[in-house]
N, C-alpha and C. Protein backbone atom coordinates (compact mmCIF):
# COMPACT_ATOMS: atom_id res chain seq x y z
N MET A 1 -4.54 -11.28 26.90
CA MET A 1 -3.66 -10.65 27.14
C MET A 1 -4.44 -9.18 26.26
N GLN A 2 -4.20 -8.13 26.74
CA GLN A 2 -4.81 -6.80 26.17
C GLN A 2 -3.75 -6.38 25.42
N PRO A 3 -4.03 -5.85 24.38
CA PRO A 3 -2.95 -5.37 23.30
C PRO A 3 -2.62 -3.76 24.07
N THR A 4 -1.45 -3.58 23.71
CA THR A 4 -0.85 -2.38 24.46
C THR A 4 -1.31 -0.89 23.67
N LEU A 5 -1.44 0.14 24.10
CA LEU A 5 -1.67 1.20 23.23
C LEU A 5 -0.86 1.46 21.69
N GLU A 6 0.62 0.93 22.02
CA GLU A 6 1.33 1.26 20.95
C GLU A 6 0.84 0.09 19.88
N THR A 7 0.72 -1.01 20.20
CA THR A 7 0.11 -2.10 19.18
C THR A 7 -1.15 -1.53 18.64
N LEU A 8 -1.96 -0.95 19.08
CA LEU A 8 -3.16 -0.52 18.76
C LEU A 8 -2.88 0.74 17.53
N ARG A 9 -1.88 1.50 18.08
CA ARG A 9 -1.44 2.73 17.17
C ARG A 9 -0.76 2.00 15.99
N ARG A 10 0.08 1.05 15.95
CA ARG A 10 0.60 0.72 14.99
C ARG A 10 -0.58 -0.03 14.09
N ILE A 11 -1.54 -0.89 14.48
CA ILE A 11 -2.55 -1.42 13.55
C ILE A 11 -3.21 -0.33 12.92
N HIS A 12 -3.55 0.57 13.63
CA HIS A 12 -4.41 1.61 13.13
C HIS A 12 -3.60 2.26 11.76
N GLU A 13 -2.31 2.85 12.14
CA GLU A 13 -1.43 3.32 11.27
C GLU A 13 -1.36 2.42 9.80
N ALA A 14 -1.42 0.93 10.09
CA ALA A 14 -1.05 0.09 8.95
C ALA A 14 -2.20 0.02 8.15
N THR A 15 -3.71 0.20 8.65
CA THR A 15 -4.63 0.07 7.99
C THR A 15 -5.52 1.23 7.63
N CYS A 16 -5.18 2.36 8.26
CA CYS A 16 -6.11 3.53 8.00
C CYS A 16 -5.45 4.23 6.69
N PRO A 17 -6.23 4.36 5.62
CA PRO A 17 -5.83 5.00 4.31
C PRO A 17 -5.30 6.37 4.58
N ILE A 18 -6.30 7.22 5.50
CA ILE A 18 -5.92 8.80 5.77
C ILE A 18 -4.59 8.79 6.49
N CYS A 19 -3.97 7.80 7.78
CA CYS A 19 -2.92 7.76 8.24
C CYS A 19 -1.93 7.58 7.15
N GLN A 20 -2.09 6.49 6.21
CA GLN A 20 -0.74 6.23 5.10
C GLN A 20 -0.89 7.64 4.42
N LYS A 21 -1.85 7.99 3.77
CA LYS A 21 -1.66 9.25 3.26
C LYS A 21 -0.78 10.40 3.54
N GLU A 22 -1.35 10.74 5.04
CA GLU A 22 -0.51 12.03 5.78
C GLU A 22 0.91 11.68 5.66
N LYS A 23 1.14 10.23 6.01
CA LYS A 23 2.63 9.72 6.20
C LYS A 23 3.40 10.05 4.72
N LYS A 24 2.49 9.61 3.90
CA LYS A 24 3.31 9.59 2.63
C LYS A 24 3.64 11.17 2.25
N MET A 25 2.59 11.98 2.53
CA MET A 25 2.78 13.44 2.07
C MET A 25 3.98 14.02 2.95
N SER A 26 4.56 13.54 4.01
CA SER A 26 5.26 14.11 4.92
C SER A 26 6.83 13.52 4.54
N GLN A 27 6.81 12.44 3.67
CA GLN A 27 8.17 11.91 3.25
C GLN A 27 8.62 12.27 1.89
N THR A 28 9.75 12.41 1.92
CA THR A 28 10.18 13.29 0.73
C THR A 28 10.53 12.24 -0.49
N THR A 29 10.80 11.20 -0.28
CA THR A 29 10.87 10.10 -1.18
C THR A 29 9.58 9.08 -0.95
N GLN A 30 9.05 8.56 -2.00
CA GLN A 30 7.99 7.60 -2.08
C GLN A 30 8.08 6.36 -2.55
N SER A 31 7.43 5.53 -2.35
CA SER A 31 7.64 4.06 -3.00
C SER A 31 6.25 3.42 -3.02
N PRO A 32 5.69 3.03 -3.90
CA PRO A 32 6.36 2.65 -5.30
C PRO A 32 6.34 3.96 -6.07
N SER A 33 7.06 3.81 -7.29
CA SER A 33 7.01 4.89 -8.30
C SER A 33 5.46 4.98 -9.10
N ASP A 34 5.49 6.41 -9.25
CA ASP A 34 4.11 6.86 -10.13
C ASP A 34 4.47 6.90 -11.51
N GLN A 35 5.35 6.39 -11.96
CA GLN A 35 5.74 6.36 -13.35
C GLN A 35 5.27 5.19 -14.21
N ASN A 36 5.18 5.30 -15.10
CA ASN A 36 4.96 4.47 -16.24
C ASN A 36 5.11 4.73 -17.59
N PRO A 37 5.23 3.76 -18.51
CA PRO A 37 5.92 4.02 -19.73
C PRO A 37 4.84 4.90 -20.59
N ASN A 38 3.75 4.81 -20.44
CA ASN A 38 2.94 5.58 -21.59
C ASN A 38 2.65 7.08 -21.33
N LYS A 39 3.27 7.36 -20.17
CA LYS A 39 3.30 8.85 -19.62
C LYS A 39 2.00 9.33 -19.44
N GLU A 40 1.16 8.35 -18.86
CA GLU A 40 -0.14 8.93 -18.54
C GLU A 40 -0.33 9.61 -17.08
N GLN A 41 -1.61 9.97 -16.66
CA GLN A 41 -1.43 10.49 -15.34
C GLN A 41 -1.28 9.57 -14.36
N PRO A 42 -0.78 9.93 -13.47
CA PRO A 42 -0.27 8.83 -12.01
C PRO A 42 -1.53 8.07 -11.82
N GLU A 43 -1.30 7.04 -11.48
CA GLU A 43 -2.38 6.06 -11.09
C GLU A 43 -2.68 6.49 -9.45
N PRO A 44 -3.93 7.06 -9.21
CA PRO A 44 -4.23 7.38 -7.87
C PRO A 44 -4.22 6.32 -6.80
N LEU A 45 -4.41 5.21 -7.02
CA LEU A 45 -4.61 3.88 -6.26
C LEU A 45 -3.01 3.66 -5.75
N ILE A 46 -2.08 4.06 -6.46
CA ILE A 46 -0.71 3.43 -6.01
C ILE A 46 -0.15 4.08 -4.72
N GLN A 47 -1.08 5.28 -4.38
CA GLN A 47 -0.58 5.91 -3.22
C GLN A 47 -0.79 5.06 -2.15
N PHE A 48 -1.65 3.88 -2.07
CA PHE A 48 -2.21 3.17 -0.81
C PHE A 48 -1.29 1.79 -0.84
N PHE A 49 -0.02 1.57 -1.78
CA PHE A 49 0.59 0.55 -1.84
C PHE A 49 2.10 1.07 -1.15
N GLY A 50 2.18 2.09 -0.62
CA GLY A 50 3.47 2.69 -0.10
C GLY A 50 3.61 1.62 1.25
N TYR A 51 4.88 1.31 1.53
CA TYR A 51 5.20 0.54 2.86
C TYR A 51 6.46 0.95 3.62
N ALA A 52 6.89 2.35 3.22
CA ALA A 52 7.78 2.72 3.89
C ALA A 52 7.51 3.14 5.55
N HIS A 53 6.41 3.53 5.82
CA HIS A 53 6.12 4.03 6.92
C HIS A 53 5.67 2.58 7.74
N LEU A 54 5.92 1.50 7.38
CA LEU A 54 5.50 0.23 8.12
C LEU A 54 6.64 -0.11 9.07
N PRO A 55 6.44 -0.81 10.14
CA PRO A 55 7.68 -1.44 10.79
C PRO A 55 8.16 -2.40 9.84
N SER A 56 9.43 -2.84 9.95
CA SER A 56 10.12 -3.88 9.06
C SER A 56 9.46 -5.24 9.00
N HIS A 57 8.95 -5.80 10.13
CA HIS A 57 8.25 -6.94 10.29
C HIS A 57 7.10 -7.15 9.18
N LEU A 58 6.46 -5.68 9.04
CA LEU A 58 5.40 -5.68 8.36
C LEU A 58 5.64 -5.43 6.53
N GLN A 59 6.73 -4.54 6.68
CA GLN A 59 7.08 -4.24 5.24
C GLN A 59 7.16 -5.58 4.22
N GLU A 60 7.82 -6.48 4.94
CA GLU A 60 8.16 -7.87 4.02
C GLU A 60 6.83 -8.19 3.56
N TYR A 61 5.84 -8.03 4.29
CA TYR A 61 4.42 -8.50 3.71
C TYR A 61 3.73 -7.64 2.93
N SER A 62 4.15 -6.32 2.76
CA SER A 62 3.59 -5.54 2.29
C SER A 62 4.33 -5.16 0.76
N LYS A 63 5.48 -5.11 0.83
CA LYS A 63 6.40 -4.74 -0.58
C LYS A 63 5.93 -5.70 -1.76
N PRO A 64 5.53 -6.96 -1.51
CA PRO A 64 5.39 -7.81 -2.74
C PRO A 64 4.12 -7.38 -3.43
N PHE A 65 3.37 -6.89 -2.83
CA PHE A 65 1.81 -6.14 -3.25
C PHE A 65 2.17 -4.74 -3.97
N SER A 66 3.20 -3.99 -3.36
CA SER A 66 3.63 -2.88 -3.94
C SER A 66 4.26 -3.01 -5.49
N ASP A 67 5.12 -4.26 -5.32
CA ASP A 67 6.07 -4.52 -6.49
C ASP A 67 4.73 -4.80 -7.78
N LEU A 68 4.01 -5.71 -7.22
CA LEU A 68 2.75 -6.26 -8.43
C LEU A 68 2.02 -5.01 -8.73
N ALA A 69 1.84 -4.22 -7.90
CA ALA A 69 0.74 -3.23 -8.41
C ALA A 69 1.63 -2.38 -9.20
N ASP A 70 2.75 -2.13 -8.84
CA ASP A 70 3.94 -1.24 -10.08
C ASP A 70 3.87 -2.00 -11.39
N TRP A 71 3.84 -3.24 -11.36
CA TRP A 71 3.96 -3.80 -12.61
C TRP A 71 2.65 -4.14 -13.28
N ILE A 72 1.53 -4.24 -12.54
CA ILE A 72 0.09 -3.85 -13.28
C ILE A 72 0.01 -2.69 -13.91
N ILE A 73 0.37 -1.50 -13.09
CA ILE A 73 0.36 -0.21 -13.95
C ILE A 73 1.29 -0.03 -14.88
N LYS A 74 2.42 -0.79 -15.07
CA LYS A 74 3.31 -0.37 -15.99
C LYS A 74 2.90 -1.48 -17.43
N THR A 75 2.36 -2.49 -17.13
CA THR A 75 1.87 -3.50 -18.21
C THR A 75 0.72 -3.58 -18.82
N LEU A 76 -0.42 -2.98 -17.92
CA LEU A 76 -1.63 -3.02 -18.59
C LEU A 76 -1.88 -1.93 -18.90
N PRO A 77 -3.02 -1.63 -19.93
CA PRO A 77 -3.50 -0.54 -20.27
C PRO A 77 -4.47 0.07 -19.20
N ARG A 78 -4.84 1.58 -18.93
CA ARG A 78 -5.45 2.00 -18.14
C ARG A 78 -6.98 1.68 -18.58
N ASN A 79 -7.77 1.02 -17.70
CA ASN A 79 -9.21 0.82 -17.99
C ASN A 79 -9.79 0.40 -16.62
N PRO A 80 -11.12 0.29 -16.71
CA PRO A 80 -11.98 -0.10 -15.50
C PRO A 80 -11.35 -1.49 -14.86
N GLU A 81 -11.03 -2.34 -15.86
CA GLU A 81 -10.56 -3.44 -15.15
C GLU A 81 -9.25 -3.46 -14.42
N ARG A 82 -8.49 -2.79 -15.07
CA ARG A 82 -7.18 -2.66 -14.36
C ARG A 82 -7.13 -1.98 -13.09
N THR A 83 -8.35 -0.95 -13.04
CA THR A 83 -8.67 -0.21 -11.54
C THR A 83 -9.26 -1.34 -10.74
N VAL A 84 -9.98 -2.26 -11.10
CA VAL A 84 -10.74 -3.29 -10.21
C VAL A 84 -9.48 -4.19 -9.76
N ALA A 85 -8.46 -4.60 -10.77
CA ALA A 85 -7.50 -5.53 -10.21
C ALA A 85 -6.59 -4.63 -9.00
N LEU A 86 -6.49 -3.30 -9.17
CA LEU A 86 -5.54 -2.67 -8.35
C LEU A 86 -6.47 -2.60 -6.74
N ARG A 87 -7.64 -2.68 -7.20
CA ARG A 87 -8.49 -2.36 -5.61
C ARG A 87 -8.64 -3.75 -4.84
N LYS A 88 -8.78 -4.71 -5.84
CA LYS A 88 -8.63 -6.01 -5.13
C LYS A 88 -7.33 -6.37 -4.71
N LEU A 89 -6.12 -5.81 -5.35
CA LEU A 89 -4.89 -6.02 -4.92
C LEU A 89 -4.63 -5.44 -3.55
N LEU A 90 -5.00 -4.38 -3.32
CA LEU A 90 -4.91 -3.38 -2.37
C LEU A 90 -6.16 -4.00 -1.12
N GLU A 91 -6.85 -4.52 -1.49
CA GLU A 91 -7.78 -5.11 -0.33
C GLU A 91 -6.75 -6.65 0.01
N ALA A 92 -6.29 -6.96 -0.77
CA ALA A 92 -5.36 -8.31 -0.40
C ALA A 92 -4.40 -7.84 0.34
N LYS A 93 -3.46 -6.87 0.04
CA LYS A 93 -2.46 -6.47 0.72
C LYS A 93 -2.89 -6.10 2.27
N ASP A 94 -4.02 -5.30 2.49
CA ASP A 94 -4.33 -4.86 3.74
C ASP A 94 -4.65 -6.31 4.65
N CYS A 95 -5.40 -7.07 4.05
CA CYS A 95 -5.62 -8.48 4.70
C CYS A 95 -4.43 -8.82 4.79
N ALA A 96 -3.31 -9.16 4.21
CA ALA A 96 -1.97 -9.63 4.59
C ALA A 96 -1.40 -9.02 5.59
N VAL A 97 -1.36 -7.85 5.77
CA VAL A 97 -0.76 -6.99 6.96
C VAL A 97 -1.66 -7.33 8.07
N ARG A 98 -2.77 -7.23 8.08
CA ARG A 98 -3.82 -7.68 9.34
C ARG A 98 -3.40 -8.99 9.76
N ALA A 99 -3.38 -9.95 8.83
CA ALA A 99 -3.31 -11.45 9.17
C ALA A 99 -1.82 -11.41 9.87
N LYS A 100 -0.67 -10.61 9.42
CA LYS A 100 0.46 -10.91 10.24
C LYS A 100 0.25 -10.37 11.94
N LEU A 101 -0.57 -9.29 11.80
CA LEU A 101 -0.82 -8.51 13.20
C LEU A 101 -1.93 -9.35 14.08
N PHE A 102 -2.61 -10.31 13.47
CA PHE A 102 -3.68 -10.95 14.19
C PHE A 102 -3.05 -11.94 15.35
N LYS A 103 -3.91 -11.71 16.32
CA LYS A 103 -3.71 -12.29 17.75
C LYS A 103 -4.54 -13.30 18.06
């Protein structure tokens, strides 16, 4: 069975960082928060953990990764290892969403 154009569009939007960034910029409210207790500069990688643009059946798989990314940013000092942790978590989140879409 061939995937429909709508299915392919949703897969692309769910996995394309550029589409995710554009969608985030057009929304007035963003999730997750860019705040952290140390009042540091916002973590640039957090923008890729947003899930509001995803269909609800994919949000449930993306949200736990977003919550964990927030916790990592709030509890760990900013350093190269924290960045690696966030990058690997982002990769795992992308894989989980794609696993749900896998046919």
